[in-house]
Amino acid sequence: MEKIRLQKAMADAGVASRRKSEELIAKGHVTVDGKTVTEMGIKVDNHNKIEVDGMPLKHEKKRYILMYKPRGVISAVKDDKDRKVITDFLKEDVEERVYPIGRLDYDTSGLILMTNDGEFANLLMHPRYHVEKTYIAKVQGFLSTEEIKKLEKGIQFKDYKSSPAKVKVMSKDTKKNTSLVRMTIHEGHNHQVKNMFAAVKHPVTKLSREKYGFLTLDGLVSGKYRDLTRQEVALLKERK
């Protein structure tokens, strides 16, 4: 086996994404042949004994999971406040150490992907990937034509300008003074959808991600999941 960087070996073994693996290395959680490693440049192969928090690296079968994340759940494998995390919903049939690709806010429900394939996770999270994500938002008030145009053109924030969005008002509740709005974006800044609606003075009261590229929640209820098909995985990988 050709020597590869330690963080790539960890990602390939399903420990975490390459970025998260780098964080584990930097914080001293990883040993190679019994010695703690904190630098990123080291390369390893099958002859090296690699351990993360005392657990040896095992090469796992690649797993690709689509979950309907419930509201009130953390998009992580563990939480220091002991709140529910998405891996709590996985059953015994998922023996692999999968982790979420990206994240959804604690109070946001909907489609999220999990895997133990670091290369696949890096591909989907790379800024050049431009996967479209569709959300259904319940917002306060009713959007004007001008406000919709602002969202569609992109909102200027302090650190970035959002790319143009696709926006469609699905329904209005005049009694509750709320609207259901479908928004499609391809970026993944923190709280982006909420921040975009807040910028046009229509705070989000409820949010769900309904689509991720061509993937949907069809056939799933909150808290349930399924494996991606080989064809779905192949189609996602073709986008690089």
Protein backbone atom coordinates (compact mmCIF):
# COMPACT_ATOMS: atom_id res chain seq x y z
CA MET A 1 0.00 0.00 0.00
CA GLU A 2 1.27 3.44 -0.89
CA LYS A 3 1.80 5.71 2.07
CA ILE A 4 -0.97 8.29 2.56
CA ARG A 5 -1.47 11.16 4.97
CA LEU A 6 -2.65 10.16 8.42
CA GLN A 7 -5.86 12.21 8.23
CA LYS A 8 -6.79 10.54 4.92
CA ALA A 9 -6.19 7.09 6.42
CA MET A 10 -8.48 8.01 9.30
CA ALA A 11 -11.17 9.32 6.95
CA ASP A 12 -10.91 6.22 4.76
CA ALA A 13 -11.34 4.04 7.85
CA GLY A 14 -14.54 5.87 8.78
CA VAL A 15 -13.26 7.66 11.89
CA ALA A 16 -14.48 11.07 10.72
CA SER A 17 -14.20 13.44 7.79
CA ARG A 18 -10.67 14.50 6.86
CA ARG A 19 -11.19 17.90 8.48
CA LYS A 20 -12.47 16.37 11.72
CA SER A 21 -9.62 13.86 11.64
CA GLU A 22 -7.15 16.74 11.46
CA GLU A 23 -8.77 18.23 14.55
CA LEU A 24 -8.40 14.90 16.39
CA ILE A 25 -4.73 14.74 15.42
CA ALA A 26 -4.06 18.34 16.49
CA LYS A 27 -5.68 17.70 19.89
CA GLY A 28 -3.52 14.65 20.58
CA HIS A 29 -6.15 11.94 20.22
CA VAL A 30 -4.13 9.89 17.69
CA THR A 31 -1.10 7.64 18.11
CA VAL A 32 1.02 5.99 15.42
CA ASP A 33 3.07 2.99 16.55
CA GLY A 34 2.46 4.00 20.15
CA LYS A 35 3.57 7.64 19.79
CA THR A 36 1.15 10.58 19.94
CA VAL A 37 1.07 12.54 16.69
CA THR A 38 -0.07 16.16 16.47
CA GLU A 39 1.36 17.16 13.07
CA MET A 40 -0.46 16.83 9.74
CA GLY A 41 2.47 15.87 7.52
CA ILE A 42 3.00 12.31 8.68
CA LYS A 43 2.28 9.52 6.18
CA VAL A 44 1.27 5.97 7.04
CA ASP A 45 0.50 2.61 5.47
CA ASN A 46 -0.87 -0.77 6.55
CA HIS A 47 2.31 -1.54 8.51
CA ASN A 48 1.66 1.30 10.97
CA LYS A 49 -0.44 0.75 14.08
CA ILE A 50 -2.85 3.70 14.28
CA GLU A 51 -5.09 4.28 17.29
CA VAL A 52 -7.66 6.98 18.06
CA ASP A 53 -8.28 7.39 21.79
CA GLY A 54 -6.80 3.94 22.27
CA MET A 55 -9.00 2.27 19.65
CA PRO A 56 -7.19 0.74 16.67
CA LEU A 57 -8.15 1.82 13.18
CA LYS A 58 -10.32 -0.70 11.34
CA HIS A 59 -11.10 -0.56 7.67
CA GLU A 60 -14.87 -0.69 7.41
CA LYS A 61 -17.26 -1.35 4.58
CA LYS A 62 -18.35 2.00 3.13
CA ARG A 63 -21.85 3.00 4.25
CA TYR A 64 -24.07 5.77 2.86
CA ILE A 65 -27.24 6.65 4.79
CA LEU A 66 -30.07 9.11 4.17
CA MET A 67 -31.94 10.08 7.36
CA TYR A 68 -35.03 12.12 8.12
CA LYS A 69 -33.59 14.10 11.02
CA PRO A 70 -36.16 15.00 13.68
CA ARG A 71 -36.43 18.47 15.16
CA GLY A 72 -34.66 18.82 18.53
CA VAL A 73 -31.72 16.57 17.59
CA ILE A 74 -28.02 17.46 17.17
CA SER A 75 -26.33 16.69 13.84
CA ALA A 76 -23.39 14.94 15.48
CA VAL A 77 -22.26 11.59 16.85
CA LYS A 78 -22.04 12.91 20.43
CA ASP A 79 -22.98 16.00 22.39
CA ASP A 80 -21.28 17.41 25.50
CA LYS A 81 -24.68 18.57 26.81
CA ASP A 82 -26.07 15.03 26.57
CA ARG A 83 -28.74 15.99 24.04
CA LYS A 84 -30.04 13.52 21.46
CA VAL A 85 -27.80 13.11 18.40
CA ILE A 86 -28.69 11.63 15.03
CA THR A 87 -26.69 8.45 15.58
CA ASP A 88 -29.03 7.67 18.51
CA PHE A 89 -31.62 6.75 15.88
CA LEU A 90 -29.43 4.15 14.17
CA LYS A 91 -30.14 0.49 14.94
CA GLU A 92 -27.94 -2.58 15.23
CA ASP A 93 -27.88 -2.93 11.45
CA VAL A 94 -25.48 0.04 11.28
CA GLU A 95 -22.24 -1.26 12.76
CA GLU A 96 -20.06 1.20 10.85
CA ARG A 97 -18.91 4.45 12.50
CA VAL A 98 -20.90 6.84 10.33
CA TYR A 99 -21.05 10.59 10.87
CA PRO A 100 -23.12 13.40 9.31
CA ILE A 101 -22.14 15.17 6.10
CA GLY A 102 -22.63 18.81 7.03
CA ARG A 103 -25.33 19.58 9.54
CA LEU A 104 -28.84 20.79 10.20
CA ASP A 105 -29.63 23.10 13.12
CA TYR A 106 -30.95 21.59 16.35
CA ASP A 107 -34.45 22.94 15.65
CA THR A 108 -34.40 22.10 11.92
CA SER A 109 -35.73 18.79 10.61
CA GLY A 110 -35.28 17.04 7.31
CA LEU A 111 -32.86 15.29 5.00
CA ILE A 112 -29.30 14.68 6.14
CA LEU A 113 -26.69 12.25 4.85
CA MET A 114 -24.30 10.12 6.93
CA THR A 115 -21.31 8.08 5.87
CA ASN A 116 -17.99 6.61 6.94
CA ASP A 117 -16.45 7.48 3.55
CA GLY A 118 -14.23 10.50 4.13
CA GLU A 119 -13.57 11.17 0.45
CA PHE A 120 -17.29 11.13 -0.29
CA ALA A 121 -18.01 13.50 2.60
CA ASN A 122 -15.29 15.91 1.47
CA LEU A 123 -16.67 15.87 -2.06
CA LEU A 124 -20.19 16.81 -0.99
CA MET A 125 -19.02 19.50 1.43
CA HIS A 126 -16.57 21.17 -0.97
CA PRO A 127 -17.67 24.69 -2.00
CA ARG A 128 -17.27 23.80 -5.69
CA TYR A 129 -19.82 21.01 -5.40
CA HIS A 130 -22.85 23.34 -5.58
CA VAL A 131 -25.45 20.75 -4.61
CA GLU A 132 -28.92 22.30 -4.44
CA LYS A 133 -30.70 22.03 -1.09
CA THR A 134 -34.42 22.74 -0.87
CA TYR A 135 -36.04 23.92 2.36
CA ILE A 136 -39.63 24.55 3.43
CA ALA A 137 -39.80 27.47 5.84
CA LYS A 138 -42.72 28.77 7.87
CA VAL A 139 -42.06 32.50 8.24
CA GLN A 140 -43.81 35.36 9.95
CA GLY A 141 -45.79 37.68 7.68
CA PHE A 142 -46.14 37.74 3.91
CA LEU A 143 -43.29 38.33 1.47
CA SER A 144 -43.66 41.17 -0.99
CA THR A 145 -42.53 40.88 -4.60
CA GLU A 146 -39.58 43.13 -3.79
CA GLU A 147 -38.52 40.97 -0.84
CA ILE A 148 -38.69 37.85 -2.97
CA LYS A 149 -36.47 39.53 -5.57
CA LYS A 150 -33.93 40.42 -2.87
CA LEU A 151 -33.74 36.77 -1.78
CA GLU A 152 -33.44 35.62 -5.38
CA LYS A 153 -30.60 38.04 -6.10
CA GLY A 154 -28.67 37.18 -2.93
CA ILE A 155 -28.36 38.85 0.45
CA GLN A 156 -25.26 40.81 1.46
CA PHE A 157 -24.10 39.78 4.92
CA LYS A 158 -21.07 41.01 6.85
CA ASP A 159 -18.78 38.17 5.75
CA TYR A 160 -20.30 37.06 2.45
CA LYS A 161 -23.04 37.57 -0.10
CA SER A 162 -25.38 34.66 -0.57
CA SER A 163 -25.71 33.24 -4.04
CA PRO A 164 -29.03 33.69 -5.86
CA ALA A 165 -31.83 31.58 -4.40
CA LYS A 166 -34.96 30.07 -5.86
CA VAL A 167 -37.99 31.23 -3.88
CA LYS A 168 -41.65 30.28 -4.11
CA VAL A 169 -44.47 31.16 -1.71
CA MET A 170 -46.52 27.99 -1.28
CA SER A 171 -49.32 29.20 0.98
CA LYS A 172 -50.39 31.97 3.37
CA ASP A 173 -52.28 31.82 6.66
CA THR A 174 -53.97 35.16 7.13
CA LYS A 175 -55.27 34.26 10.59
CA LYS A 176 -51.83 33.36 11.94
CA ASN A 177 -50.00 35.89 9.76
CA THR A 178 -47.56 33.26 8.47
CA SER A 179 -46.39 31.94 5.10
CA LEU A 180 -44.97 28.67 3.85
CA VAL A 181 -42.06 29.34 1.52
CA ARG A 182 -39.90 26.96 -0.52
CA MET A 183 -36.27 28.09 -0.86
CA THR A 184 -33.52 26.38 -2.84
CA ILE A 185 -29.85 27.29 -2.29
CA HIS A 186 -26.55 25.54 -2.94
CA GLU A 187 -24.47 26.97 -0.11
CA GLY A 188 -24.12 25.85 3.48
CA HIS A 189 -23.28 28.83 5.68
CA ASN A 190 -24.39 28.56 9.30
CA HIS A 191 -28.07 29.43 9.74
CA GLN A 192 -28.13 30.67 6.14
CA VAL A 193 -31.82 30.16 5.39
CA LYS A 194 -32.85 31.69 8.71
CA ASN A 195 -30.50 34.61 8.22
CA MET A 196 -31.75 35.28 4.68
CA PHE A 197 -35.38 35.46 5.79
CA ALA A 198 -34.42 37.55 8.82
CA ALA A 199 -32.69 40.00 6.46
CA VAL A 200 -36.03 40.73 4.77
CA LYS A 201 -37.83 40.96 8.14
CA HIS A 202 -39.63 37.60 8.00
CA PRO A 203 -38.21 35.42 10.81
CA VAL A 204 -38.38 31.65 10.39
CA THR A 205 -40.55 29.85 12.94
CA LYS A 206 -40.17 26.35 11.50
CA LEU A 207 -37.72 24.88 8.98
CA SER A 208 -37.25 21.57 7.19
CA ARG A 209 -34.87 20.42 4.45
CA GLU A 210 -36.90 18.51 1.88
CA LYS A 211 -34.36 17.80 -0.87
CA TYR A 212 -30.60 17.37 -1.23
CA GLY A 213 -29.76 17.42 -4.92
CA PHE A 214 -31.98 14.73 -6.46
CA LEU A 215 -32.52 13.00 -3.11
CA THR A 216 -35.84 13.37 -1.26
CA LEU A 217 -37.49 12.14 1.94
CA ASP A 218 -40.00 10.02 0.04
CA GLY A 219 -40.94 6.90 2.01
CA LEU A 220 -39.41 8.09 5.29
CA VAL A 221 -40.90 9.48 8.49
CA SER A 222 -39.10 11.51 11.12
CA GLY A 223 -36.30 9.55 12.79
CA LYS A 224 -36.11 6.86 10.10
CA TYR A 225 -33.37 6.24 7.54
CA ARG A 226 -32.37 4.16 4.55
CA ASP A 227 -29.18 3.27 2.72
CA LEU A 228 -28.45 5.10 -0.50
CA THR A 229 -28.53 2.83 -3.54
CA ARG A 230 -25.37 2.17 -5.53
CA GLN A 231 -26.80 4.24 -8.33
CA GLU A 232 -27.47 7.19 -6.02
CA VAL A 233 -23.93 7.07 -4.63
CA ALA A 234 -22.51 6.85 -8.14
CA LEU A 235 -24.57 9.82 -9.33
CA LEU A 236 -23.41 11.94 -6.39
CA LYS A 237 -19.77 11.02 -7.04
CA GLU A 238 -20.10 11.89 -10.72
CA ARG A 239 -20.59 15.55 -9.86
CA LYS A 240 -16.94 16.13 -8.91
